[in-house]
Amino acid sequence: MLVPLQITSATRQNLWRLTFIRILVLAAQAGSVGLAYWLELLPLPWFQLAATLACSMLLCAFTAVRLRTSWPVTELEYAVQLACDLFIHSALLYFSGGSTNPFVSYYLVPLTIAAVTLPWRYSVILSGIALTMYTLLLARFYPLQTFPIARENLQVYGMWLSFALAAAVITFFAARMAEELRRQEELRAIRREEGLRDQQLLAVATQAAGAAHELGTPLATMSVLLKEMRQDHHDPMLQDDLSVLQDQVKLCKQTLQQLVRAAEANRRLAVEMQDVTDWLDEALNRWHLMRPEASYRFQRLGQGTVPRMAPPPDLTQALLNLLNNAADACPEGLQVTLDWNPEDLTISIRDHGAGVPLAIAEQIGKPFFTTKGKGFGLGLFLSKASVTRAGGSVKLYSHEEGGTLTELRLPHGARGDEHE
C-alpha cells in the first residue's frame, strides 16, 4: 500500500515545480510585454496579450490552491497542466509574430519536462499538440510590423534570451524532477526489500510460535515422567542423571516462559530510557554468564554526554546474538568498543576468527544460511531485523588484521517501534 502513495507524492512535488517554472516564465513574459509597450517597440495587440497573460496567472493561482488540498495528483492531471502551458504559449506566439517569434523554441521546455517525468504515451500526445500548434503558427499569426534592421536585432536577442531561459529551466528544474523520480524508485526498492524481510520474519515468527506451543506438552510429559522415575529408581548414579535431565527440562520451560514474557513486554512497549553504557554493561554481563569461556575487552571511545535510549527486549537479544556469533568464531580476545556522535552511536565487536569469506559474504545474514556446523542460520537474520526495526544497521567486515568486525549502528534514543 506504500507504493501508490510514493507515486502520488512524486507527481505532486513535480507539479509544484512546474507551477514555480510557470510563475517565473509568466514574470519574464509579462516583463517583456510591459517593456515593449512602455518603449513602444512594436505595434502589438496589447489587450489580447494581457488577457492571455491573465489566463496564465489564473492557472498559476488555481494550481497553487489546488495543491494545498489533500486530493491526489494523478499523472493525467499533470499532463493536462503541461498541455495548458502549450496552449497558453501558442496564444502568446499567435499575437506576437507566430513562428517568427524567437521564443517559439520554448515549446521544447514542456516537452522535456514531460519526457522526464511522465510515461511515454503522455509525452507522445503532448509532442503532437506542440507540433500541431507550431504548424498552425506557420500559416496563421499576428504579423509584426517593424523595420527590417530592428526585426533582425530583436530576432537575434530574442533567440539568445529564449535559449538561455530554456537551458536554465531544463538544467535546474527538469534535472531536479528526474532526481526526485530516481529517489522515489530507490524508496520503492527499499520498501520491497522491507516487505520481503517482513514476510520472512512473519514466517519465522509463525514457526517459532507454533514450535513454542507444541513444545509445552512434551516438556510437561517429560517432567512428569522424570519425577516418577526418580521416585521408582534409587540408584545414586541414575538419580544424578535424572536430576540433570530434570534441570534441563526446567531450563527449557523457563526459556519458553521468558519468550512469552519478552513478547508481551515488547507488545506493551514496557521499556525505560537509560544510558547506553548501562544497557551495554547489563547486556555484556548477561552474555558473559551465558558464555563464561569467552574473554573480551571493553573500550568506551565516545566523549561528552552519554546518549540515552529505550532498548526493547529484541534489540538486547540482537546484541547478544552478535556477541555469540563473534564468540563462536573465536571466544578469546574479543574487542568491544562503544562510540557515538551527535547523530548515532556505534557498537563494534571484533573477533580473531577466520573472517568473512568473500565467496559467501552476500549470503551472510539471510535466513537459514549458516557457516557453522550447528544452528539454524537465523541469529544474524533476526538480529539485523531487530536493529533495522529500531532505525539502525548491522554490517560485517573482514578486518585487515584478521578476524571479523561487526558494526552495530543505532540512532540516539532508539526504540523498537521507530519504524512502525
Protein backbone atom coordinates (compact mmCIF):
# COMPACT_ATOMS: atom_id res chain seq x y z
CA MET A 1 0.00 0.00 0.00
CA LEU A 2 3.01 2.30 0.22
CA VAL A 3 3.99 2.39 -3.45
CA PRO A 4 0.93 4.37 -4.78
CA LEU A 5 1.49 6.95 -2.05
CA GLN A 6 5.10 7.37 -3.16
CA ILE A 7 3.98 7.87 -6.81
CA THR A 8 1.41 10.48 -5.81
CA SER A 9 3.95 12.32 -3.72
CA ALA A 10 6.42 12.50 -6.62
CA THR A 11 3.78 13.80 -9.03
CA ARG A 12 2.62 16.40 -6.52
CA GLN A 13 6.16 17.67 -5.99
CA ASN A 14 6.73 17.85 -9.74
CA LEU A 15 3.51 19.85 -10.16
CA TRP A 16 4.77 22.27 -7.51
CA ARG A 17 7.97 22.68 -9.52
CA LEU A 18 6.01 23.13 -12.74
CA THR A 19 3.93 25.87 -11.09
CA PHE A 20 7.12 27.59 -9.95
CA ILE A 21 8.51 27.41 -13.50
CA ARG A 22 5.23 28.80 -14.84
CA ILE A 23 5.40 31.75 -12.44
CA LEU A 24 8.98 32.55 -13.49
CA VAL A 25 8.12 32.33 -17.18
CA LEU A 26 4.98 34.43 -16.61
CA ALA A 27 7.07 37.10 -14.92
CA ALA A 28 9.52 37.09 -17.85
CA GLN A 29 6.69 37.24 -20.41
CA ALA A 30 4.82 40.00 -18.58
CA GLY A 31 8.07 41.95 -18.21
CA SER A 32 8.83 41.63 -21.92
CA VAL A 33 5.33 42.68 -22.96
CA GLY A 34 5.33 45.57 -20.48
CA LEU A 35 8.75 46.76 -21.69
CA ALA A 36 7.66 46.59 -25.33
CA TYR A 37 4.51 48.55 -24.52
CA TRP A 38 6.33 51.15 -22.42
CA LEU A 39 9.05 51.79 -25.02
CA GLU A 40 6.65 51.41 -27.95
CA LEU A 41 8.99 49.00 -29.68
CA LEU A 42 6.32 47.02 -31.53
CA PRO A 43 2.69 47.56 -32.52
CA LEU A 44 1.10 44.55 -30.82
CA PRO A 45 -2.48 43.65 -29.76
CA TRP A 46 -1.89 44.60 -26.12
CA PHE A 47 -5.36 43.70 -24.88
CA GLN A 48 -5.19 40.14 -26.29
CA LEU A 49 -1.70 39.65 -24.87
CA ALA A 50 -2.79 40.96 -21.47
CA ALA A 51 -5.80 38.62 -21.50
CA THR A 52 -3.59 35.63 -22.31
CA LEU A 53 -1.16 36.51 -19.52
CA ALA A 54 -4.13 36.89 -17.16
CA CYS A 55 -5.24 33.35 -18.05
CA SER A 56 -1.75 32.09 -17.22
CA MET A 57 -1.87 33.95 -13.90
CA LEU A 58 -5.27 32.42 -13.07
CA LEU A 59 -3.90 28.96 -13.90
CA CYS A 60 -0.97 29.53 -11.51
CA ALA A 61 -3.31 30.68 -8.73
CA PHE A 62 -5.73 27.79 -9.28
CA THR A 63 -2.90 25.21 -9.26
CA ALA A 64 -1.38 26.67 -6.10
CA VAL A 65 -4.74 26.49 -4.29
CA ARG A 66 -5.43 23.01 -5.64
CA LEU A 67 -2.05 21.71 -4.41
CA ARG A 68 -2.91 22.76 -0.87
CA THR A 69 -5.78 20.26 -0.83
CA SER A 70 -5.42 16.58 0.04
CA TRP A 71 -6.64 15.34 -3.35
CA PRO A 72 -4.07 13.10 -5.01
CA VAL A 73 -2.29 14.48 -8.07
CA THR A 74 -2.50 12.00 -10.92
CA GLU A 75 -0.26 11.72 -13.95
CA LEU A 76 -3.22 12.64 -16.19
CA GLU A 77 -3.75 15.91 -14.32
CA TYR A 78 -0.05 16.67 -14.55
CA ALA A 79 -0.16 16.06 -18.32
CA VAL A 80 -3.20 18.36 -18.67
CA GLN A 81 -1.28 21.08 -16.82
CA LEU A 82 1.58 20.78 -19.33
CA ALA A 83 -0.94 20.88 -22.21
CA CYS A 84 -2.34 24.14 -20.76
CA ASP A 85 1.16 25.61 -20.85
CA LEU A 86 1.46 24.64 -24.52
CA PHE A 87 -1.86 26.30 -25.41
CA ILE A 88 -1.07 29.48 -23.48
CA HIS A 89 2.36 29.69 -25.11
CA SER A 90 0.77 29.16 -28.52
CA ALA A 91 -1.70 32.01 -27.87
CA LEU A 92 1.15 34.35 -26.88
CA LEU A 93 3.07 33.39 -30.02
CA TYR A 94 -0.01 33.93 -32.21
CA PHE A 95 -0.31 37.57 -31.08
CA SER A 96 3.42 38.24 -31.35
CA GLY A 97 4.67 37.01 -34.70
CA GLY A 98 3.82 33.30 -34.72
CA SER A 99 6.65 31.02 -35.86
CA THR A 100 8.87 34.08 -36.48
CA ASN A 101 8.91 34.82 -32.77
CA PRO A 102 12.26 33.63 -31.35
CA PHE A 103 10.51 32.29 -28.24
CA VAL A 104 8.93 29.55 -30.34
CA SER A 105 11.71 27.24 -29.13
CA TYR A 106 10.20 27.34 -25.63
CA TYR A 107 7.91 24.56 -26.86
CA LEU A 108 10.78 22.22 -26.03
CA VAL A 109 10.67 23.00 -22.30
CA PRO A 110 7.25 21.44 -21.50
CA LEU A 111 8.09 18.54 -23.81
CA THR A 112 11.39 17.93 -21.99
CA ILE A 113 9.62 18.01 -18.64
CA ALA A 114 7.02 15.55 -19.91
CA ALA A 115 9.68 13.20 -21.28
CA VAL A 116 11.49 13.20 -17.93
CA THR A 117 8.53 12.85 -15.58
CA LEU A 118 5.65 11.18 -17.47
CA PRO A 119 5.07 7.84 -19.25
CA TRP A 120 5.81 7.83 -22.96
CA ARG A 121 2.16 7.91 -24.07
CA TYR A 122 1.65 11.32 -22.43
CA SER A 123 4.88 12.60 -23.98
CA VAL A 124 3.71 11.49 -27.43
CA ILE A 125 0.35 13.26 -27.02
CA LEU A 126 1.98 16.48 -25.79
CA SER A 127 4.51 16.35 -28.63
CA GLY A 128 1.62 16.02 -31.08
CA ILE A 129 -0.09 19.07 -29.55
CA ALA A 130 3.10 21.14 -29.72
CA LEU A 131 3.79 20.11 -33.33
CA THR A 132 0.20 20.92 -34.34
CA MET A 133 0.34 24.36 -32.71
CA TYR A 134 3.70 25.10 -34.32
CA THR A 135 2.38 24.03 -37.76
CA LEU A 136 -0.68 26.29 -37.41
CA LEU A 137 1.52 29.21 -36.41
CA LEU A 138 3.42 28.82 -39.67
CA ALA A 139 0.24 29.73 -41.57
CA ARG A 140 -1.75 31.99 -39.24
CA PHE A 141 -0.40 34.56 -36.79
CA TYR A 142 -0.48 38.26 -35.96
CA PRO A 143 2.38 39.73 -38.05
CA LEU A 144 4.97 42.03 -36.53
CA GLN A 145 5.27 45.35 -38.35
CA THR A 146 8.65 46.93 -37.78
CA PHE A 147 11.79 47.90 -39.66
CA PRO A 148 13.89 45.03 -41.09
CA ILE A 149 17.02 46.01 -39.11
CA ALA A 150 15.04 46.30 -35.86
CA ARG A 151 13.34 42.99 -36.62
CA GLU A 152 16.72 41.32 -37.18
CA ASN A 153 18.13 42.68 -33.93
CA LEU A 154 15.06 41.63 -32.00
CA GLN A 155 15.26 38.18 -33.58
CA VAL A 156 18.90 37.73 -32.53
CA TYR A 157 18.42 38.94 -28.95
CA GLY A 158 15.15 37.08 -28.64
CA MET A 159 16.76 33.83 -29.75
CA TRP A 160 19.55 34.28 -27.19
CA LEU A 161 17.08 35.03 -24.40
CA SER A 162 14.87 32.09 -25.42
CA PHE A 163 17.83 29.71 -25.43
CA ALA A 164 19.07 30.97 -22.04
CA LEU A 165 15.61 30.62 -20.50
CA ALA A 166 15.04 27.12 -21.93
CA ALA A 167 18.53 25.94 -20.91
CA ALA A 168 18.09 27.25 -17.36
CA VAL A 169 14.67 25.63 -16.92
CA ILE A 170 15.76 22.28 -18.37
CA THR A 171 19.03 22.20 -16.40
CA PHE A 172 17.77 23.27 -13.00
CA PHE A 173 14.19 22.03 -12.95
CA ALA A 174 13.89 19.05 -15.28
CA ALA A 175 17.05 17.58 -13.75
CA ARG A 176 15.56 18.12 -10.29
CA MET A 177 12.38 16.31 -11.33
CA ALA A 178 14.38 13.39 -12.71
CA GLU A 179 16.36 13.24 -9.47
CA GLU A 180 13.12 13.13 -7.47
CA LEU A 181 11.86 10.23 -9.57
CA ARG A 182 15.13 8.35 -9.05
CA ARG A 183 14.79 8.92 -5.32
CA GLN A 184 11.24 7.56 -5.43
CA GLU A 185 12.48 4.46 -7.28
CA GLU A 186 15.09 3.91 -4.57
CA LEU A 187 12.39 4.23 -1.91
CA ARG A 188 10.28 1.67 -3.75
CA ALA A 189 13.21 -0.73 -3.85
CA ILE A 190 13.77 -0.24 -0.11
CA ARG A 191 10.08 -0.82 0.57
CA ARG A 192 10.14 -4.01 -1.49
CA GLU A 193 13.14 -5.28 0.46
CA GLU A 194 11.45 -4.40 3.74
CA GLY A 195 8.29 -6.18 2.60
CA LEU A 196 10.24 -9.33 1.75
CA ARG A 197 12.08 -9.16 5.07
CA ASP A 198 8.81 -8.73 6.96
CA GLN A 199 7.34 -11.72 5.16
CA GLN A 200 10.35 -13.80 6.15
CA LEU A 201 10.10 -12.54 9.73
CA LEU A 202 6.41 -13.40 9.83
CA ALA A 203 7.15 -16.90 8.59
CA VAL A 204 9.88 -17.38 11.21
CA ALA A 205 7.70 -15.91 13.97
CA THR A 206 4.79 -18.16 13.00
CA GLN A 207 7.01 -21.23 13.09
CA ALA A 208 8.54 -20.14 16.42
CA ALA A 209 5.11 -19.57 17.99
CA GLY A 210 3.91 -22.94 16.77
CA ALA A 211 7.04 -24.68 18.00
CA ALA A 212 6.79 -22.99 21.42
CA HIS A 213 3.17 -24.08 21.73
CA GLU A 214 3.93 -27.65 20.66
CA LEU A 215 6.97 -27.97 22.95
CA GLY A 216 4.92 -27.21 26.05
CA THR A 217 3.15 -30.56 26.04
CA PRO A 218 6.18 -32.88 25.60
CA LEU A 219 8.17 -30.88 28.16
CA ALA A 220 5.36 -31.27 30.69
CA THR A 221 5.19 -35.01 29.92
CA MET A 222 8.95 -35.37 30.29
CA SER A 223 8.86 -33.51 33.61
CA VAL A 224 6.18 -35.85 35.00
CA LEU A 225 7.98 -38.99 33.78
CA LEU A 226 11.32 -37.86 35.20
CA LYS A 227 9.70 -37.19 38.56
CA GLU A 228 8.15 -40.66 38.58
CA MET A 229 11.43 -42.28 37.52
CA ARG A 230 13.26 -40.60 40.41
CA GLN A 231 10.65 -42.00 42.80
CA ASP A 232 10.81 -45.53 41.37
CA HIS A 233 14.59 -45.87 40.93
CA HIS A 234 17.01 -45.24 43.78
CA ASP A 235 20.32 -45.93 42.07
CA PRO A 236 22.56 -42.94 43.01
CA MET A 237 24.17 -42.68 39.59
CA LEU A 238 20.81 -42.85 37.86
CA GLN A 239 19.44 -40.28 40.30
CA ASP A 240 22.23 -37.88 39.29
CA ASP A 241 21.47 -38.34 35.60
CA LEU A 242 17.75 -37.89 36.15
CA SER A 243 18.45 -34.75 38.16
CA VAL A 244 20.45 -33.31 35.26
CA LEU A 245 17.63 -34.14 32.85
CA GLN A 246 15.08 -32.51 35.16
CA ASP A 247 17.21 -29.37 35.29
CA GLN A 248 17.47 -29.30 31.51
CA VAL A 249 13.71 -29.72 31.09
CA LYS A 250 13.14 -26.98 33.67
CA LEU A 251 15.53 -24.71 31.77
CA CYS A 252 13.64 -25.33 28.53
CA LYS A 253 10.32 -24.46 30.18
CA GLN A 254 11.81 -21.30 31.68
CA THR A 255 13.14 -20.29 28.26
CA LEU A 256 9.68 -20.65 26.72
CA GLN A 257 8.15 -18.64 29.58
CA GLN A 258 10.78 -15.94 29.13
CA LEU A 259 9.99 -15.86 25.42
CA VAL A 260 6.32 -15.21 26.16
CA ARG A 261 7.14 -12.53 28.74
CA ALA A 262 9.52 -10.76 26.37
CA ALA A 263 6.92 -10.77 23.59
CA GLU A 264 4.31 -9.33 25.97
CA ALA A 265 6.70 -6.63 27.17
CA ASN A 266 7.57 -5.74 23.60
CA ARG A 267 3.90 -5.56 22.67
CA ARG A 268 3.19 -3.18 25.56
CA LEU A 269 6.44 -1.27 24.88
CA ALA A 270 7.36 -1.70 28.55
CA VAL A 271 10.84 -0.26 28.14
CA GLU A 272 12.61 2.50 30.02
CA MET A 273 15.06 5.18 28.96
CA GLN A 274 18.58 4.53 30.20
CA ASP A 275 22.16 5.43 29.41
CA VAL A 276 23.57 3.38 26.58
CA THR A 277 26.56 2.49 28.77
CA ASP A 278 24.25 0.98 31.40
CA TRP A 279 22.38 -1.00 28.75
CA LEU A 280 25.61 -2.27 27.22
CA ASP A 281 27.06 -3.22 30.62
CA GLU A 282 23.95 -5.22 31.50
CA ALA A 283 23.98 -6.97 28.14
CA LEU A 284 27.68 -7.83 28.38
CA ASN A 285 27.29 -9.18 31.93
CA ARG A 286 24.31 -11.29 30.88
CA TRP A 287 26.18 -12.57 27.85
CA HIS A 288 29.28 -13.44 29.88
CA LEU A 289 27.14 -15.56 32.20
CA MET A 290 25.92 -17.42 29.12
CA ARG A 291 29.41 -17.74 27.64
CA PRO A 292 31.86 -17.93 30.57
CA GLU A 293 34.54 -19.43 28.34
CA ALA A 294 34.72 -16.21 26.28
CA SER A 295 37.04 -13.32 27.16
CA TYR A 296 36.61 -9.75 25.99
CA ARG A 297 37.93 -6.22 26.47
CA PHE A 298 35.51 -3.28 26.51
CA GLN A 299 36.56 0.21 25.46
CA ARG A 300 34.50 3.41 25.51
CA LEU A 301 35.54 5.92 22.83
CA GLY A 302 32.68 8.42 22.97
CA GLN A 303 33.19 11.71 24.79
CA GLY A 304 30.74 14.08 26.40
CA THR A 305 27.17 13.35 27.44
CA VAL A 306 26.28 9.67 27.26
CA PRO A 307 23.37 9.04 24.85
CA ARG A 308 20.15 7.63 26.25
CA MET A 309 17.93 5.01 24.65
CA ALA A 310 14.93 2.79 25.36
CA PRO A 311 16.04 -0.64 24.11
CA PRO A 312 13.27 -3.24 23.68
CA PRO A 313 13.96 -6.89 24.51
CA ASP A 314 14.53 -7.89 20.89
CA LEU A 315 17.25 -5.25 20.49
CA THR A 316 19.08 -6.64 23.52
CA GLN A 317 18.70 -10.14 22.10
CA ALA A 318 20.10 -8.92 18.80
CA LEU A 319 23.22 -7.67 20.59
CA LEU A 320 23.56 -11.00 22.39
CA ASN A 321 23.29 -12.85 19.08
CA LEU A 322 26.05 -10.72 17.58
CA LEU A 323 28.28 -11.37 20.59
CA ASN A 324 27.56 -15.10 20.35
CA ASN A 325 28.48 -15.09 16.66
CA ALA A 326 31.80 -13.45 17.49
CA ALA A 327 32.43 -15.91 20.34
CA ASP A 328 31.61 -18.85 18.05
CA ALA A 329 34.27 -17.62 15.63
CA CYS A 330 36.89 -17.17 18.36
CA PRO A 331 35.96 -16.91 22.06
CA GLU A 332 39.30 -15.44 23.12
CA GLY A 333 40.30 -11.79 22.98
CA LEU A 334 37.05 -10.21 21.74
CA GLN A 335 37.21 -6.43 21.48
CA VAL A 336 34.00 -4.46 22.14
CA THR A 337 34.04 -0.69 21.61
CA LEU A 338 31.36 1.96 22.09
CA ASP A 339 31.47 5.29 20.27
CA TRP A 340 28.92 7.99 19.43
CA ASN A 341 28.46 11.27 17.59
CA PRO A 342 25.58 13.79 17.52
CA GLU A 343 23.53 11.56 15.16
CA ASP A 344 24.05 7.95 16.22
CA LEU A 345 26.05 5.53 18.33
CA THR A 346 28.24 2.63 17.19
CA ILE A 347 28.99 -0.66 18.91
CA SER A 348 31.87 -2.56 17.29
CA ILE A 349 32.65 -6.23 18.01
CA ARG A 350 35.93 -7.57 16.66
CA ASP A 351 36.88 -11.25 16.86
CA HIS A 352 40.05 -13.06 15.78
CA GLY A 353 38.40 -15.86 13.86
CA ALA A 354 38.65 -16.81 10.20
CA GLY A 355 36.89 -13.66 8.94
CA VAL A 356 34.12 -13.35 6.37
CA PRO A 357 34.78 -15.46 3.26
CA LEU A 358 34.33 -13.34 0.11
CA ALA A 359 32.52 -16.17 -1.69
CA ILE A 360 29.64 -16.13 0.82
CA ALA A 361 29.77 -12.52 2.05
CA GLU A 362 26.47 -11.63 0.34
CA GLN A 363 24.70 -14.69 1.78
CA ILE A 364 25.53 -13.94 5.43
CA GLY A 365 22.52 -12.55 7.25
CA LYS A 366 19.94 -14.28 5.05
CA PRO A 367 17.50 -16.66 6.76
CA PHE A 368 18.51 -20.31 7.15
CA PHE A 369 22.05 -19.66 5.93
CA THR A 370 24.87 -20.53 8.32
CA THR A 371 28.61 -21.09 8.12
CA LYS A 372 28.61 -23.12 11.33
CA GLY A 373 28.19 -26.84 11.67
CA LYS A 374 25.29 -26.24 14.04
CA GLY A 375 22.42 -23.79 14.26
CA PHE A 376 19.54 -22.80 12.02
CA GLY A 377 21.01 -19.73 10.34
CA LEU A 378 18.51 -17.33 11.94
CA GLY A 379 20.56 -15.49 14.56
CA LEU A 380 22.12 -12.83 12.34
CA PHE A 381 18.97 -12.51 10.23
CA LEU A 382 16.79 -11.83 13.28
CA SER A 383 19.44 -9.52 14.73
CA LYS A 384 19.51 -7.43 11.56
CA ALA A 385 15.72 -7.30 11.50
CA SER A 386 15.53 -6.11 15.13
CA VAL A 387 18.21 -3.46 14.61
CA THR A 388 16.60 -2.23 11.37
CA ARG A 389 13.27 -2.02 13.19
CA ALA A 390 14.95 0.28 15.72
CA GLY A 391 16.26 2.51 12.92
CA GLY A 392 19.81 1.15 12.90
CA SER A 393 22.01 -1.14 10.81
CA VAL A 394 24.35 -4.14 11.17
CA LYS A 395 27.37 -4.62 8.93
CA LEU A 396 30.11 -7.26 8.93
CA TYR A 397 33.60 -6.62 7.59
CA SER A 398 36.74 -8.69 7.26
CA HIS A 399 39.28 -6.92 9.44
CA GLU A 400 42.56 -6.06 7.75
CA GLU A 401 44.49 -7.70 10.61
CA GLY A 402 42.34 -10.84 10.53
CA GLY A 403 39.02 -11.81 12.01
CA THR A 404 35.63 -10.16 11.61
CA LEU A 405 34.47 -6.67 12.60
CA THR A 406 30.75 -6.44 13.37
CA GLU A 407 29.45 -2.88 13.38
CA LEU A 408 26.11 -2.09 15.04
CA ARG A 409 24.78 1.45 14.48
CA LEU A 410 21.77 2.84 16.32
CA PRO A 411 20.18 6.30 16.40
CA HIS A 412 20.08 8.17 19.69
CA GLY A 413 17.00 7.20 21.71
CA ALA A 414 16.47 4.06 19.61
CA ARG A 415 13.19 2.24 20.18
CA GLY A 416 11.84 -0.93 18.69
CA ASP A 417 8.70 0.79 17.37
CA GLU A 418 10.55 3.51 15.49
CA HIS A 419 9.54 2.33 12.03
CA GLU A 420 6.12 1.01 12.77
